[in-house]
Amino acid sequence: KLHTNGDITQAVYATRMLGMKDENFNPIVFRERSDMSDP
């Protein structure tokens, strides 16, 4: 979860480093919304 000013591109790259070749790895990278819970 990225805070409003977070750079989503860097975070997406970080998830690739964590296991993008593993098809059971389900990365979710998103910008936080103050009006909603994470789910």
PDB file of all heavy atoms in Angstrom:
ATOM      1  N   LYS A   1       0.866  -1.185   0.000  1.00  0.00           N
ATOM      2  CA  LYS A   1       0.000   0.000   0.000  1.00  0.00           C
ATOM      3  C   LYS A   1       0.896   1.226   0.000  1.00  0.00           C
ATOM      4  O   LYS A   1       1.792   1.356   0.827  1.00  0.00           O
ATOM      5  CB  LYS A   1      -0.887   0.004   1.232  1.00  0.00           C
ATOM      6  CG  LYS A   1      -1.722   1.260   1.359  1.00  0.00           C
ATOM      7  CD  LYS A   1      -2.666   1.216   2.540  1.00  0.00           C
ATOM      8  CE  LYS A   1      -1.935   1.126   3.838  1.00  0.00           C
ATOM      9  NZ  LYS A   1      -2.799   1.251   5.011  1.00  0.00           N
ATOM     10  N   LEU A   2       0.657   2.114  -0.953  1.00  0.00           N
ATOM     11  CA  LEU A   2       1.452   3.322  -1.052  1.00  0.00           C
ATOM     12  C   LEU A   2       0.671   4.506  -0.524  1.00  0.00           C
ATOM     13  O   LEU A   2      -0.515   4.639  -0.785  1.00  0.00           O
ATOM     14  CB  LEU A   2       1.822   3.589  -2.513  1.00  0.00           C
ATOM     15  CG  LEU A   2       2.611   2.485  -3.187  1.00  0.00           C
ATOM     16  CD1 LEU A   2       2.819   2.833  -4.639  1.00  0.00           C
ATOM     17  CD2 LEU A   2       3.935   2.280  -2.499  1.00  0.00           C
ATOM     18  N   HIS A   3       1.348   5.361   0.198  1.00  0.00           N
ATOM     19  CA  HIS A   3       0.713   6.596   0.633  1.00  0.00           C
ATOM     20  C   HIS A   3       0.556   7.485  -0.594  1.00  0.00           C
ATOM     21  O   HIS A   3       1.186   7.276  -1.621  1.00  0.00           O
ATOM     22  CB  HIS A   3       1.533   7.248   1.739  1.00  0.00           C
ATOM     23  CG  HIS A   3       1.618   6.370   2.949  1.00  0.00           C
ATOM     24  ND1 HIS A   3       0.550   6.170   3.801  1.00  0.00           N
ATOM     25  CD2 HIS A   3       2.604   5.595   3.417  1.00  0.00           C
ATOM     26  CE1 HIS A   3       0.894   5.334   4.738  1.00  0.00           C
ATOM     27  NE2 HIS A   3       2.136   4.956   4.532  1.00  0.00           N
ATOM     28  N   THR A   4      -0.266   8.451  -0.523  1.00  0.00           N
ATOM     29  CA  THR A   4      -0.666   9.248  -1.678  1.00  0.00           C
ATOM     30  C   THR A   4       0.501   9.697  -2.547  1.00  0.00           C
ATOM     31  O   THR A   4       0.427   9.683  -3.757  1.00  0.00           O
ATOM     32  CB  THR A   4      -1.482  10.473  -1.229  1.00  0.00           C
ATOM     33  OG1 THR A   4      -2.575  10.004  -0.443  1.00  0.00           O
ATOM     34  CG2 THR A   4      -2.025  11.227  -2.412  1.00  0.00           C
ATOM     35  N   ASN A   5       1.611  10.063  -1.945  1.00  0.00           N
ATOM     36  CA  ASN A   5       2.744  10.554  -2.727  1.00  0.00           C
ATOM     37  C   ASN A   5       3.703   9.446  -3.154  1.00  0.00           C
ATOM     38  O   ASN A   5       4.734   9.723  -3.739  1.00  0.00           O
ATOM     39  CB  ASN A   5       3.510  11.618  -1.934  1.00  0.00           C
ATOM     40  CG  ASN A   5       2.657  12.839  -1.681  1.00  0.00           C
ATOM     41  OD1 ASN A   5       1.804  13.176  -2.491  1.00  0.00           O
ATOM     42  ND2 ASN A   5       2.867  13.476  -0.554  1.00  0.00           N
ATOM     43  N   GLY A   6       3.376   8.198  -2.868  1.00  0.00           N
ATOM     44  CA  GLY A   6       4.273   7.102  -3.212  1.00  0.00           C
ATOM     45  C   GLY A   6       4.399   6.912  -4.711  1.00  0.00           C
ATOM     46  O   GLY A   6       3.480   7.199  -5.462  1.00  0.00           O
ATOM     47  N   ASP A   7       5.564   6.441  -5.152  1.00  0.00           N
ATOM     48  CA  ASP A   7       5.797   6.178  -6.571  1.00  0.00           C
ATOM     49  C   ASP A   7       5.451   4.726  -6.857  1.00  0.00           C
ATOM     50  O   ASP A   7       6.181   3.826  -6.481  1.00  0.00           O
ATOM     51  CB  ASP A   7       7.257   6.470  -6.918  1.00  0.00           C
ATOM     52  CG  ASP A   7       7.553   6.264  -8.398  1.00  0.00           C
ATOM     53  OD1 ASP A   7       6.674   5.759  -9.126  1.00  0.00           O
ATOM     54  OD2 ASP A   7       8.665   6.602  -8.817  1.00  0.00           O
ATOM     55  N   ILE A   8       4.334   4.503  -7.501  1.00  0.00           N
ATOM     56  CA  ILE A   8       3.853   3.148  -7.734  1.00  0.00           C
ATOM     57  C   ILE A   8       4.786   2.362  -8.655  1.00  0.00           C
ATOM     58  O   ILE A   8       4.923   1.164  -8.524  1.00  0.00           O
ATOM     59  CB  ILE A   8       2.403   3.157  -8.250  1.00  0.00           C
ATOM     60  CG1 ILE A   8       1.800   1.757  -8.102  1.00  0.00           C
ATOM     61  CG2 ILE A   8       2.305   3.651  -9.666  1.00  0.00           C
ATOM     62  CD1 ILE A   8       0.324   1.724  -8.227  1.00  0.00           C
ATOM     63  N   THR A   9       5.471   3.029  -9.560  1.00  0.00           N
ATOM     64  CA  THR A   9       6.375   2.348 -10.490  1.00  0.00           C
ATOM     65  C   THR A   9       7.493   1.643  -9.729  1.00  0.00           C
ATOM     66  O   THR A   9       7.820   0.492 -10.018  1.00  0.00           O
ATOM     67  CB  THR A   9       6.967   3.354 -11.495  1.00  0.00           C
ATOM     68  OG1 THR A   9       5.888   4.037 -12.117  1.00  0.00           O
ATOM     69  CG2 THR A   9       7.794   2.656 -12.547  1.00  0.00           C
ATOM     70  N   GLN A  10       8.081   2.304  -8.758  1.00  0.00           N
ATOM     71  CA  GLN A  10       9.144   1.677  -7.964  1.00  0.00           C
ATOM     72  C   GLN A  10       8.622   0.502  -7.158  1.00  0.00           C
ATOM     73  O   GLN A  10       9.285  -0.513  -7.018  1.00  0.00           O
ATOM     74  CB  GLN A  10       9.786   2.709  -7.051  1.00  0.00           C
ATOM     75  CG  GLN A  10      10.608   3.734  -7.800  1.00  0.00           C
ATOM     76  CD  GLN A  10      11.203   4.780  -6.870  1.00  0.00           C
ATOM     77  OE1 GLN A  10      10.894   4.828  -5.696  1.00  0.00           O
ATOM     78  NE2 GLN A  10      12.061   5.612  -7.425  1.00  0.00           N
ATOM     79  N   ALA A  11       7.425   0.636  -6.627  1.00  0.00           N
ATOM     80  CA  ALA A  11       6.840  -0.451  -5.845  1.00  0.00           C
ATOM     81  C   ALA A  11       6.529  -1.657  -6.726  1.00  0.00           C
ATOM     82  O   ALA A  11       6.729  -2.793  -6.312  1.00  0.00           O
ATOM     83  CB  ALA A  11       5.580   0.021  -5.133  1.00  0.00           C
ATOM     84  N   VAL A  12       6.049  -1.419  -7.939  1.00  0.00           N
ATOM     85  CA  VAL A  12       5.789  -2.528  -8.866  1.00  0.00           C
ATOM     86  C   VAL A  12       7.098  -3.240  -9.185  1.00  0.00           C
ATOM     87  O   VAL A  12       7.166  -4.468  -9.203  1.00  0.00           O
ATOM     88  CB  VAL A  12       5.088  -2.028 -10.153  1.00  0.00           C
ATOM     89  CG1 VAL A  12       5.066  -3.112 -11.216  1.00  0.00           C
ATOM     90  CG2 VAL A  12       3.675  -1.571  -9.836  1.00  0.00           C
ATOM     91  N   TYR A  13       8.160  -2.483  -9.387  1.00  0.00           N
ATOM     92  CA  TYR A  13       9.474  -3.086  -9.639  1.00  0.00           C
ATOM     93  C   TYR A  13       9.898  -3.936  -8.443  1.00  0.00           C
ATOM     94  O   TYR A  13      10.421  -5.038  -8.614  1.00  0.00           O
ATOM     95  CB  TYR A  13      10.514  -1.999  -9.925  1.00  0.00           C
ATOM     96  CG  TYR A  13      11.888  -2.569 -10.134  1.00  0.00           C
ATOM     97  CD1 TYR A  13      12.214  -3.234 -11.323  1.00  0.00           C
ATOM     98  CD2 TYR A  13      12.861  -2.473  -9.151  1.00  0.00           C
ATOM     99  CE1 TYR A  13      13.464  -3.786 -11.508  1.00  0.00           C
ATOM    100  CE2 TYR A  13      14.119  -3.015  -9.337  1.00  0.00           C
ATOM    101  CZ  TYR A  13      14.419  -3.671 -10.507  1.00  0.00           C
ATOM    102  OH  TYR A  13      15.656  -4.220 -10.682  1.00  0.00           O
ATOM    103  N   ALA A  14       9.656  -3.446  -7.231  1.00  0.00           N
ATOM    104  CA  ALA A  14      10.024  -4.197  -6.030  1.00  0.00           C
ATOM    105  C   ALA A  14       9.298  -5.535  -5.984  1.00  0.00           C
ATOM    106  O   ALA A  14       9.877  -6.550  -5.596  1.00  0.00           O
ATOM    107  CB  ALA A  14       9.721  -3.385  -4.776  1.00  0.00           C
ATOM    108  N   THR A  15       8.036  -5.584  -6.395  1.00  0.00           N
ATOM    109  CA  THR A  15       7.325  -6.860  -6.377  1.00  0.00           C
ATOM    110  C   THR A  15       7.911  -7.827  -7.392  1.00  0.00           C
ATOM    111  O   THR A  15       7.927  -9.026  -7.167  1.00  0.00           O
ATOM    112  CB  THR A  15       5.811  -6.690  -6.653  1.00  0.00           C
ATOM    113  OG1 THR A  15       5.630  -6.155  -7.959  1.00  0.00           O
ATOM    114  CG2 THR A  15       5.145  -5.842  -5.619  1.00  0.00           C
ATOM    115  N   ARG A  16       8.408  -7.319  -8.502  1.00  0.00           N
ATOM    116  CA  ARG A  16       9.055  -8.208  -9.485  1.00  0.00           C
ATOM    117  C   ARG A  16      10.271  -8.880  -8.866  1.00  0.00           C
ATOM    118  O   ARG A  16      10.556 -10.033  -9.135  1.00  0.00           O
ATOM    119  CB  ARG A  16       9.462  -7.414 -10.724  1.00  0.00           C
ATOM    120  CG  ARG A  16       8.299  -7.054 -11.581  1.00  0.00           C
ATOM    121  CD  ARG A  16       8.769  -6.520 -12.930  1.00  0.00           C
ATOM    122  NE  ARG A  16       7.608  -6.222 -13.722  1.00  0.00           N
ATOM    123  CZ  ARG A  16       7.351  -5.051 -14.244  1.00  0.00           C
ATOM    124  NH1 ARG A  16       8.182  -4.046 -14.078  1.00  0.00           N
ATOM    125  NH2 ARG A  16       6.266  -4.871 -14.947  1.00  0.00           N
ATOM    126  N   MET A  17      10.972  -8.139  -8.044  1.00  0.00           N
ATOM    127  CA  MET A  17      12.156  -8.688  -7.399  1.00  0.00           C
ATOM    128  C   MET A  17      11.775  -9.773  -6.388  1.00  0.00           C
ATOM    129  O   MET A  17      12.556 -10.640  -6.072  1.00  0.00           O
ATOM    130  CB  MET A  17      12.932  -7.579  -6.673  1.00  0.00           C
ATOM    131  CG  MET A  17      13.399  -6.450  -7.577  1.00  0.00           C
ATOM    132  SD  MET A  17      14.525  -6.998  -8.873  1.00  0.00           S
ATOM    133  CE  MET A  17      15.961  -7.359  -7.895  1.00  0.00           C
ATOM    134  N   LEU A  18      10.549  -9.714  -5.877  1.00  0.00           N
ATOM    135  CA  LEU A  18      10.121 -10.632  -4.834  1.00  0.00           C
ATOM    136  C   LEU A  18       9.554 -11.954  -5.359  1.00  0.00           C
ATOM    137  O   LEU A  18       9.217 -12.816  -4.574  1.00  0.00           O
ATOM    138  CB  LEU A  18       9.065  -9.955  -3.949  1.00  0.00           C
ATOM    139  CG  LEU A  18       9.567  -8.791  -3.123  1.00  0.00           C
ATOM    140  CD1 LEU A  18       8.390  -8.060  -2.477  1.00  0.00           C
ATOM    141  CD2 LEU A  18      10.523  -9.268  -2.056  1.00  0.00           C
ATOM    142  N   GLY A  19       9.386 -12.098  -6.638  1.00  0.00           N
ATOM    143  CA  GLY A  19       8.908 -13.395  -7.102  1.00  0.00           C
ATOM    144  C   GLY A  19       7.927 -13.372  -8.238  1.00  0.00           C
ATOM    145  O   GLY A  19       6.996 -14.169  -8.256  1.00  0.00           O
ATOM    146  N   MET A  20       8.090 -12.488  -9.195  1.00  0.00           N
ATOM    147  CA  MET A  20       7.150 -12.431 -10.310  1.00  0.00           C
ATOM    148  C   MET A  20       7.180 -13.694 -11.165  1.00  0.00           C
ATOM    149  O   MET A  20       6.241 -13.961 -11.889  1.00  0.00           O
ATOM    150  CB  MET A  20       7.421 -11.199 -11.180  1.00  0.00           C
ATOM    151  CG  MET A  20       7.011  -9.901 -10.524  1.00  0.00           C
ATOM    152  SD  MET A  20       5.261  -9.787 -10.204  1.00  0.00           S
ATOM    153  CE  MET A  20       4.658  -9.335 -11.810  1.00  0.00           C
ATOM    154  N   LYS A  21       8.240 -14.468 -11.088  1.00  0.00           N
ATOM    155  CA  LYS A  21       8.285 -15.693 -11.889  1.00  0.00           C
ATOM    156  C   LYS A  21       7.430 -16.798 -11.266  1.00  0.00           C
ATOM    157  O   LYS A  21       7.071 -17.741 -11.932  1.00  0.00           O
ATOM    158  CB  LYS A  21       9.729 -16.162 -12.041  1.00  0.00           C
ATOM    159  CG  LYS A  21      10.533 -15.205 -12.901  1.00  0.00           C
ATOM    160  CD  LYS A  21      11.927 -15.695 -13.149  1.00  0.00           C
ATOM    161  CE  LYS A  21      12.626 -14.618 -13.949  1.00  0.00           C
ATOM    162  NZ  LYS A  21      13.651 -15.104 -14.789  1.00  0.00           N
ATOM    163  N   ASP A  22       7.113 -16.661 -10.004  1.00  0.00           N
ATOM    164  CA  ASP A  22       6.270 -17.622  -9.308  1.00  0.00           C
ATOM    165  C   ASP A  22       4.811 -17.276  -9.597  1.00  0.00           C
ATOM    166  O   ASP A  22       4.309 -16.250  -9.155  1.00  0.00           O
ATOM    167  CB  ASP A  22       6.546 -17.564  -7.808  1.00  0.00           C
ATOM    168  CG  ASP A  22       5.665 -18.508  -7.003  1.00  0.00           C
ATOM    169  OD1 ASP A  22       4.858 -19.250  -7.605  1.00  0.00           O
ATOM    170  OD2 ASP A  22       5.786 -18.497  -5.771  1.00  0.00           O
ATOM    171  N   GLU A  23       4.121 -18.133 -10.329  1.00  0.00           N
ATOM    172  CA  GLU A  23       2.744 -17.836 -10.723  1.00  0.00           C
ATOM    173  C   GLU A  23       1.765 -17.924  -9.571  1.00  0.00           C
ATOM    174  O   GLU A  23       0.613 -17.560  -9.701  1.00  0.00           O
ATOM    175  CB  GLU A  23       2.330 -18.736 -11.882  1.00  0.00           C
ATOM    176  CG  GLU A  23       3.099 -18.380 -13.134  1.00  0.00           C
ATOM    177  CD  GLU A  23       2.798 -19.286 -14.297  1.00  0.00           C
ATOM    178  OE1 GLU A  23       1.966 -20.197 -14.159  1.00  0.00           O
ATOM    179  OE2 GLU A  23       3.409 -19.080 -15.347  1.00  0.00           O
ATOM    180  N   ASN A  24       2.206 -18.411  -8.413  1.00  0.00           N
ATOM    181  CA  ASN A  24       1.353 -18.410  -7.227  1.00  0.00           C
ATOM    182  C   ASN A  24       1.538 -17.137  -6.414  1.00  0.00           C
ATOM    183  O   ASN A  24       0.893 -16.959  -5.387  1.00  0.00           O
ATOM    184  CB  ASN A  24       1.639 -19.635  -6.359  1.00  0.00           C
ATOM    185  CG  ASN A  24       1.197 -20.900  -7.055  1.00  0.00           C
ATOM    186  OD1 ASN A  24       0.110 -20.971  -7.597  1.00  0.00           O
ATOM    187  ND2 ASN A  24       2.058 -21.893  -7.061  1.00  0.00           N
ATOM    188  N   PHE A  25       2.435 -16.283  -6.854  1.00  0.00           N
ATOM    189  CA  PHE A  25       2.689 -15.003  -6.193  1.00  0.00           C
ATOM    190  C   PHE A  25       1.734 -13.985  -6.793  1.00  0.00           C
ATOM    191  O   PHE A  25       1.733 -13.758  -7.992  1.00  0.00           O
ATOM    192  CB  PHE A  25       4.156 -14.606  -6.438  1.00  0.00           C
ATOM    193  CG  PHE A  25       4.564 -13.338  -5.762  1.00  0.00           C
ATOM    194  CD1 PHE A  25       4.623 -13.245  -4.380  1.00  0.00           C
ATOM    195  CD2 PHE A  25       4.919 -12.232  -6.507  1.00  0.00           C
ATOM    196  CE1 PHE A  25       5.020 -12.077  -3.761  1.00  0.00           C
ATOM    197  CE2 PHE A  25       5.316 -11.052  -5.900  1.00  0.00           C
ATOM    198  CZ  PHE A  25       5.362 -10.981  -4.520  1.00  0.00           C
ATOM    199  N   ASN A  26       0.879 -13.406  -5.961  1.00  0.00           N
ATOM    200  CA  ASN A  26      -0.174 -12.509  -6.420  1.00  0.00           C
ATOM    201  C   ASN A  26       0.063 -11.098  -5.893  1.00  0.00           C
ATOM    202  O   ASN A  26      -0.565 -10.689  -4.921  1.00  0.00           O
ATOM    203  CB  ASN A  26      -1.542 -13.017  -5.947  1.00  0.00           C
ATOM    204  CG  ASN A  26      -1.887 -14.366  -6.522  1.00  0.00           C
ATOM    205  OD1 ASN A  26      -2.023 -14.491  -7.726  1.00  0.00           O
ATOM    206  ND2 ASN A  26      -2.010 -15.364  -5.679  1.00  0.00           N
ATOM    207  N   PRO A  27       0.962 -10.347  -6.521  1.00  0.00           N
ATOM    208  CA  PRO A  27       1.255  -9.012  -5.992  1.00  0.00           C
ATOM    209  C   PRO A  27       0.125  -8.014  -6.247  1.00  0.00           C
ATOM    210  O   PRO A  27      -0.482  -7.997  -7.314  1.00  0.00           O
ATOM    211  CB  PRO A  27       2.513  -8.599  -6.741  1.00  0.00           C
ATOM    212  CG  PRO A  27       2.451  -9.360  -8.022  1.00  0.00           C
ATOM    213  CD  PRO A  27       1.772 -10.661  -7.687  1.00  0.00           C
ATOM    214  N   ILE A  28      -0.141  -7.211  -5.245  1.00  0.00           N
ATOM    215  CA  ILE A  28      -1.115  -6.119  -5.337  1.00  0.00           C
ATOM    216  C   ILE A  28      -0.398  -4.863  -4.858  1.00  0.00           C
ATOM    217  O   ILE A  28       0.037  -4.791  -3.716  1.00  0.00           O
ATOM    218  CB  ILE A  28      -2.351  -6.381  -4.465  1.00  0.00           C
ATOM    219  CG1 ILE A  28      -3.119  -7.597  -4.987  1.00  0.00           C
ATOM    220  CG2 ILE A  28      -3.246  -5.152  -4.410  1.00  0.00           C
ATOM    221  CD1 ILE A  28      -4.320  -7.977  -4.142  1.00  0.00           C
ATOM    222  N   VAL A  29      -0.245  -3.914  -5.743  1.00  0.00           N
ATOM    223  CA  VAL A  29       0.378  -2.632  -5.410  1.00  0.00           C
ATOM    224  C   VAL A  29      -0.670  -1.562  -5.674  1.00  0.00           C
ATOM    225  O   VAL A  29      -1.208  -1.480  -6.766  1.00  0.00           O
ATOM    226  CB  VAL A  29       1.635  -2.381  -6.277  1.00  0.00           C
ATOM    227  CG1 VAL A  29       2.279  -1.058  -5.914  1.00  0.00           C
ATOM    228  CG2 VAL A  29       2.620  -3.524  -6.134  1.00  0.00           C
ATOM    229  N   PHE A  30      -0.975  -0.761  -4.656  1.00  0.00           N
ATOM    230  CA  PHE A  30      -2.024   0.234  -4.853  1.00  0.00           C
ATOM    231  C   PHE A  30      -1.764   1.485  -4.037  1.00  0.00           C
ATOM    232  O   PHE A  30      -1.099   1.454  -3.018  1.00  0.00           O
ATOM    233  CB  PHE A  30      -3.402  -0.348  -4.526  1.00  0.00           C
ATOM    234  CG  PHE A  30      -3.615  -0.694  -3.075  1.00  0.00           C
ATOM    235  CD1 PHE A  30      -4.308   0.171  -2.245  1.00  0.00           C
ATOM    236  CD2 PHE A  30      -3.134  -1.885  -2.555  1.00  0.00           C
ATOM    237  CE1 PHE A  30      -4.511  -0.150  -0.913  1.00  0.00           C
ATOM    238  CE2 PHE A  30      -3.342  -2.214  -1.237  1.00  0.00           C
ATOM    239  CZ  PHE A  30      -4.033  -1.344  -0.407  1.00  0.00           C
ATOM    240  N   ARG A  31      -2.311   2.559  -4.523  1.00  0.00           N
ATOM    241  CA  ARG A  31      -2.229   3.844  -3.843  1.00  0.00           C
ATOM    242  C   ARG A  31      -3.326   3.898  -2.779  1.00  0.00           C
ATOM    243  O   ARG A  31      -4.476   3.580  -3.042  1.00  0.00           O
ATOM    244  CB  ARG A  31      -2.412   4.980  -4.856  1.00  0.00           C
ATOM    245  CG  ARG A  31      -2.045   6.337  -4.324  1.00  0.00           C
ATOM    246  CD  ARG A  31      -2.121   7.396  -5.415  1.00  0.00           C
ATOM    247  NE  ARG A  31      -1.388   7.079  -6.633  1.00  0.00           N
ATOM    248  CZ  ARG A  31      -0.068   7.272  -6.818  1.00  0.00           C
ATOM    249  NH1 ARG A  31       0.648   7.779  -5.871  1.00  0.00           N
ATOM    250  NH2 ARG A  31       0.500   6.974  -7.969  1.00  0.00           N
ATOM    251  N   GLU A  32      -2.937   4.291  -1.580  1.00  0.00           N
ATOM    252  CA  GLU A  32      -3.877   4.384  -0.466  1.00  0.00           C
ATOM    253  C   GLU A  32      -4.983   5.387  -0.781  1.00  0.00           C
ATOM    254  O   GLU A  32      -4.750   6.403  -1.416  1.00  0.00           O
ATOM    255  CB  GLU A  32      -3.112   4.835   0.776  1.00  0.00           C
ATOM    256  CG  GLU A  32      -3.948   4.949   2.015  1.00  0.00           C
ATOM    257  CD  GLU A  32      -3.111   5.402   3.195  1.00  0.00           C
ATOM    258  OE1 GLU A  32      -2.318   6.357   3.047  1.00  0.00           O
ATOM    259  OE2 GLU A  32      -3.261   4.800   4.268  1.00  0.00           O
ATOM    260  N   ARG A  33      -6.175   5.067  -0.305  1.00  0.00           N
ATOM    261  CA  ARG A  33      -7.315   5.982  -0.448  1.00  0.00           C
ATOM    262  C   ARG A  33      -7.790   6.340   0.954  1.00  0.00           C
ATOM    263  O   ARG A  33      -8.081   5.455   1.752  1.00  0.00           O
ATOM    264  CB  ARG A  33      -8.442   5.324  -1.232  1.00  0.00           C
ATOM    265  CG  ARG A  33      -8.077   5.086  -2.703  1.00  0.00           C
ATOM    266  CD  ARG A  33      -9.270   4.586  -3.466  1.00  0.00           C
ATOM    267  NE  ARG A  33     -10.420   5.467  -3.318  1.00  0.00           N
ATOM    268  CZ  ARG A  33     -10.767   6.401  -4.213  1.00  0.00           C
ATOM    269  NH1 ARG A  33     -10.059   6.569  -5.309  1.00  0.00           N
ATOM    270  NH2 ARG A  33     -11.841   7.146  -4.021  1.00  0.00           N
ATOM    271  N   SER A  34      -7.875   7.614   1.232  1.00  0.00           N
ATOM    272  CA  SER A  34      -8.294   8.044   2.574  1.00  0.00           C
ATOM    273  C   SER A  34      -9.771   7.783   2.824  1.00  0.00           C
ATOM    274  O   SER A  34     -10.206   7.713   3.970  1.00  0.00           O
ATOM    275  CB  SER A  34      -7.990   9.533   2.767  1.00  0.00           C
ATOM    276  OG  SER A  34      -8.705  10.303   1.819  1.00  0.00           O
ATOM    277  N   ASP A  35     -10.546   7.588   1.764  1.00  0.00           N
ATOM    278  CA  ASP A  35     -11.983   7.392   1.908  1.00  0.00           C
ATOM    279  C   ASP A  35     -12.401   5.923   1.928  1.00  0.00           C
ATOM    280  O   ASP A  35     -13.594   5.618   1.962  1.00  0.00           O
ATOM    281  CB  ASP A  35     -12.729   8.119   0.786  1.00  0.00           C
ATOM    282  CG  ASP A  35     -12.310   7.646  -0.602  1.00  0.00           C
ATOM    283  OD1 ASP A  35     -11.202   7.089  -0.750  1.00  0.00           O
ATOM    284  OD2 ASP A  35     -13.091   7.840  -1.554  1.00  0.00           O
ATOM    285  N   MET A  36     -11.424   4.993   1.912  1.00  0.00           N
ATOM    286  CA  MET A  36     -11.747   3.568   1.866  1.00  0.00           C
ATOM    287  C   MET A  36     -10.764   2.771   2.709  1.00  0.00           C
ATOM    288  O   MET A  36      -9.600   3.136   2.833  1.00  0.00           O
ATOM    289  CB  MET A  36     -11.637   3.029   0.431  1.00  0.00           C
ATOM    290  CG  MET A  36     -12.591   3.591  -0.539  1.00  0.00           C
ATOM    291  SD  MET A  36     -12.318   2.838  -2.166  1.00  0.00           S
ATOM    292  CE  MET A  36     -13.389   3.875  -3.138  1.00  0.00           C
ATOM    293  N   SER A  37     -11.242   1.645   3.217  1.00  0.00           N
ATOM    294  CA  SER A  37     -10.339   0.693   3.868  1.00  0.00           C
ATOM    295  C   SER A  37      -9.510   0.008   2.773  1.00  0.00           C
ATOM    296  O   SER A  37      -9.836   0.108   1.581  1.00  0.00           O
ATOM    297  CB  SER A  37     -11.143  -0.347   4.644  1.00  0.00           C
ATOM    298  OG  SER A  37     -11.883  -1.147   3.735  1.00  0.00           O
ATOM    299  N   ASP A  38      -8.469  -0.702   3.160  1.00  0.00           N
ATOM    300  CA  ASP A  38      -7.641  -1.394   2.162  1.00  0.00           C
ATOM    301  C   ASP A  38      -8.437  -2.406   1.331  1.00  0.00           C
ATOM    302  O   ASP A  38      -8.318  -2.411   0.109  1.00  0.00           O
ATOM    303  CB  ASP A  38      -6.445  -2.074   2.825  1.00  0.00           C
ATOM    304  CG  ASP A  38      -5.457  -1.082   3.391  1.00  0.00           C
ATOM    305  OD1 ASP A  38      -5.590   0.132   3.128  1.00  0.00           O
ATOM    306  OD2 ASP A  38      -4.530  -1.514   4.109  1.00  0.00           O
ATOM    307  N   PRO A  39      -9.252  -3.277   1.962  1.00  0.00           N
ATOM    308  CA  PRO A  39     -10.031  -4.211   1.131  1.00  0.00           C
ATOM    309  C   PRO A  39     -10.962  -3.488   0.153  1.00  0.00           C
ATOM    310  O   PRO A  39     -11.079  -3.889  -1.003  1.00  0.00           O
ATOM    311  CB  PRO A  39     -10.829  -5.028   2.149  1.00  0.00           C
ATOM    312  CG  PRO A  39      -9.997  -4.984   3.381  1.00  0.00           C
ATOM    313  CD  PRO A  39      -9.394  -3.605   3.391  1.00  0.00           C
TER     314      PRO A  39
END
